[in-house]
Structure formats: C-alpha cells, structure tokens
C-alpha cells in the first residue's frame, strides 16, 4: 500500500460556537429538563441542522410561527431574535415563553428603540428575510426602519429627515462589506449617527479575522456551517476575497467534494458560530483517512465571553 499523500490543515481559532449560540442551546436543554418534553421552539434555535436534529431527538419541537404552538407548553424564541409582536402574542395567549435572543442582538434592539425615542429614523444594514433582520426591524413601528444591503441601496433611500437618522447592523455581516455600506451612508447623510460600539458581534469579527490570516497560506478553505447561516456564508466570502480561490461551505464530512481538492496540500478549516466542534473533528478525521495530516492552529484571538441563561431557568438549575 502506498503512503498517504501529505496535507497540512490550518485550523482557525476562534471557530465554531459563540457564547450566544452556546447559551441558546443550553436554554432549550434546561427547558426540557425543567418542564419535560415537548418544548416548542419558534424557528431553528440556531442555524445548524446537526444541532437542531439533536435537540429534536431530546423532545424539542421546531415551528415557524407561534400559532403552531399549543398554549399549554413552553415556547422558546430563537437566538436570532423576534419582532415585538411575538412576545405580545404569547402574553395574550398566556403562554410560558423563554427568550433565547443573543444578548448582542438584544443590544441592537435596545439601540434602535433608544434612537426611535429620540425621534430618529433607523437605517438597518442587513440581509432581507434573515430572521435577525426581521426581528430587529420588528422592534419599531412600520416604516421606522429602512433596510439596505449594499452601497447601491443607499443611493435609492428615501428618508423622512436626513438630519435625523441613525444606523444599526445585523450582527453577522462581513466586516469589510459593512464598512463600505457605512461609508456610503455617511457620504450621503453626514449627520447620520452610528452605534456607540460596533454592532457586528465579536464572534463574527473574530472568525473573519482568523480566515483572513489563513487564506494566504492555503490552496483551499472549507467552512463548516449551514447554508442558512449568515456568519458561515460570510466566512466563505471573506476567504475568497482574501485570495483563496476555492472556498466552500460544507455541513459535515459527507459534503466534502474530494475531486475539487485533488492535489491540494495546504487546506484551511473553520466553522461558523453555530457549528459544533464534533463536526470539525469529523471533517479532520475524514482527511486523516486519506492523507498524512499535519495540523496547524492559526489563532488570532481568544474568547472568554459567557452569557447567563434567563432567571426562570437558573432558579431551578
């Protein structure tokens, strides 16, 4: 038998679960412990099929709308956040609900409400149809939040008063792409007010920085994550933008296109913020079965952030 071809795997750090995702999954698990199955979850708790399937096996039931939940069982709102109308509906139906919205998303919600209270119209930089964007825009009355995705969108904005504007962003965007939209907003509306602290979350930024450090070293990059995960898709885009000709999203090892990687001797691996480490290890093991692997860690930051679960769950933990 011939020797396995050599392959250097550059493993990004940080990668995988962020504090908000970790907290959201813990909330579902603790709710199942406290109240038993089934516990209902409005929308996927995080965007990862492996995680969702695991929680479903434990007794979580995933639905898209509150009307699909019976009033006598607990319901959890996903980490992406929900419009204000959702908890209002839950209260009207006297439902027991737990909000698993990431605290960094909640920070953007609070920011939007504060600006609105000061008479400012909001511009949100985000992706149309993404649950986080829907949830954030739903914090304010209709028409109070205008959505833009690209610098070109800024040119077509029709605002109430150019002197009374503020902007917020989805937390999982590309740092570089968002900067270009912010520049366009400031060029057109010099009086626009930005957030006190960057809205794009620390985990999104850190994972993108790690990919930027890896991209020049590799011939190909694999991002482990779900197709509907915004932060995972952005990692693919960042890899390509930084010169990695082949950057692909895979949900797990079975999705690897081995023919496309034929001849690759330097490969980068990272994972989106909702992808568990088990899937990273699964992908590494798949390469070890085919190659003589040398593993190199590329660490650009250390994360020690931890978010508490809601008090209703802590009281009986």
Foldseek 3Di string as FASTA:
>chain_A
DDAFAAAEEAEEPPFAADQLLVQLLVQLVLLCVVPNADEEEAAQLAFAPVSSVVSVVRHYHYDNAPVVDDQAHEYEYHQLAAAPVRVVVNVVSVHHYFYSHRVLLVVLLVVLVVLVVVVAAEEEAEDPPQRNVNRSVNSDDPPSYHYDHALVVLVVDDDDDLLRYEYAYRQQAQPVRVVRNVVSSCVVRVNYHYDPDHSNDPQLVQLLVRLLVQLVVWQAEEEAGHPSHSSSVNSQVSSVVSPNVHYYYDNAQVRDPVVVCVPTRYYYYHYHNPRDVVRVVRNVVVVVVRHPYDYHYRYDDDDDDHDDGDPVSVVVD
